[in-house]
Amino acid sequence: MKLNTQQIKVLRKLGHVLSPVVTVAERGLTETVVAAIEEALEIHELIKVKVRHDRERRIALYEEICQKTGALEVQKIGMILLIYRPSKKSKIALPGAKPKG
């Protein structure tokens, strides 16, 4: 799945009021952190992840998070990554998205 510009705009608007639900700190992207991100995505679909590393490592971790969880990057600002992954029972209706059924 790939997000179009209109869908990204909707998700960014929804994500504006969110706080980070998971923080990636010194130990990096451990199995426990990946499991926490997976669980949060299944519940909320759209979450913020805080990554506390230097710039180069942070960018690599952003890509790794998306790859391991199957989530789509919506936005990254500083240490905050906003990601989206539709759950089995979609909660967020995106414009132009085909309804599951």
Protein backbone atom coordinates (compact mmCIF):
# COMPACT_ATOMS: atom_id res chain seq x y z
CA MET A 1 0.00 0.00 0.00
CA LYS A 2 1.17 3.48 -0.79
CA LEU A 3 -0.32 6.72 0.49
CA ASN A 4 -1.25 9.54 -1.87
CA THR A 5 -0.87 13.22 -1.02
CA GLN A 6 -4.47 13.65 0.11
CA GLN A 7 -4.24 10.63 2.45
CA ILE A 8 -0.96 11.88 3.93
CA LYS A 9 -2.56 15.27 4.57
CA VAL A 10 -5.47 13.64 6.45
CA LEU A 11 -3.12 11.46 8.52
CA ARG A 12 -0.83 14.38 9.38
CA LYS A 13 -3.85 16.36 10.57
CA LEU A 14 -5.00 13.44 12.75
CA GLY A 15 -1.46 12.89 14.04
CA HIS A 16 -0.95 16.50 15.06
CA VAL A 17 -2.61 16.02 18.45
CA LEU A 18 -0.99 12.65 19.21
CA SER A 19 1.80 12.11 21.70
CA PRO A 20 4.52 9.48 21.18
CA VAL A 21 3.40 6.08 22.48
CA VAL A 22 6.75 4.31 22.11
CA THR A 23 10.30 5.56 22.63
CA VAL A 24 13.38 4.00 21.06
CA ALA A 25 16.29 4.80 23.38
CA GLU A 26 19.90 3.62 23.96
CA ARG A 27 19.27 -0.08 23.33
CA GLY A 28 17.82 0.64 19.91
CA LEU A 29 15.10 -1.32 18.19
CA THR A 30 14.82 -4.40 20.41
CA GLU A 31 12.21 -7.15 20.00
CA THR A 32 10.28 -5.67 22.92
CA VAL A 33 10.15 -2.23 21.29
CA VAL A 34 9.05 -3.72 17.96
CA ALA A 35 6.32 -5.68 19.78
CA ALA A 36 5.15 -2.48 21.52
CA ILE A 37 4.99 -0.65 18.18
CA GLU A 38 3.10 -3.57 16.59
CA GLU A 39 0.57 -3.60 19.43
CA ALA A 40 0.07 0.17 19.32
CA LEU A 41 -0.43 0.07 15.54
CA GLU A 42 -3.02 -2.69 15.83
CA ILE A 43 -4.96 -0.69 18.41
CA HIS A 44 -4.60 2.85 17.01
CA GLU A 45 -3.44 2.49 13.36
CA LEU A 46 -1.72 5.90 13.55
CA ILE A 47 1.00 6.44 16.15
CA LYS A 48 4.02 8.55 16.94
CA VAL A 49 7.35 6.97 17.86
CA LYS A 50 10.13 8.95 19.53
CA VAL A 51 13.65 7.92 18.51
CA ARG A 52 16.40 9.25 20.80
CA HIS A 53 19.56 8.84 18.70
CA ASP A 54 21.83 11.02 16.58
CA ARG A 55 20.56 12.07 13.15
CA GLU A 56 22.17 9.35 10.99
CA ARG A 57 21.17 6.52 13.34
CA ARG A 58 17.67 7.98 13.72
CA ILE A 59 17.04 7.96 9.95
CA ALA A 60 18.20 4.34 9.73
CA LEU A 61 15.93 3.42 12.64
CA TYR A 62 12.94 5.13 10.98
CA GLU A 63 13.40 2.90 7.93
CA GLU A 64 13.94 -0.19 10.07
CA ILE A 65 10.78 0.50 12.10
CA CYS A 66 8.68 0.77 8.94
CA GLN A 67 10.26 -2.34 7.44
CA LYS A 68 9.82 -4.53 10.54
CA THR A 69 6.25 -3.43 11.29
CA GLY A 70 4.92 -3.04 7.76
CA ALA A 71 3.90 0.52 8.61
CA LEU A 72 3.98 3.48 6.27
CA GLU A 73 5.91 6.61 7.14
CA VAL A 74 3.56 9.57 7.20
CA GLN A 75 5.88 12.24 8.59
CA LYS A 76 9.13 12.68 10.46
CA ILE A 77 10.04 15.79 12.37
CA GLY A 78 13.15 15.77 14.52
CA MET A 79 13.00 12.78 16.85
CA ILE A 80 9.33 12.02 16.11
CA LEU A 81 8.15 9.54 13.48
CA LEU A 82 4.46 9.38 12.57
CA ILE A 83 3.50 5.99 11.10
CA TYR A 84 0.31 4.40 9.84
CA ARG A 85 -0.74 0.80 9.32
CA PRO A 86 -4.38 -0.13 8.77
CA SER A 87 -5.63 -2.75 11.22
CA LYS A 88 -7.99 -5.62 10.42
CA LYS A 89 -10.90 -3.45 11.56
CA SER A 90 -10.01 -0.08 10.05
CA LYS A 91 -10.68 2.86 12.33
CA ILE A 92 -9.40 5.63 10.06
CA ALA A 93 -11.26 6.25 6.81
CA LEU A 94 -8.82 7.56 4.21
CA PRO A 95 -10.01 9.40 1.09
CA GLY A 96 -9.67 7.24 -1.98
CA ALA A 97 -9.12 4.05 0.02
CA LYS A 98 -11.10 0.98 -0.94
CA PRO A 99 -13.25 -0.28 1.92
CA LYS A 100 -12.43 -3.78 3.14
CA GLY A 101 -15.23 -6.22 2.80
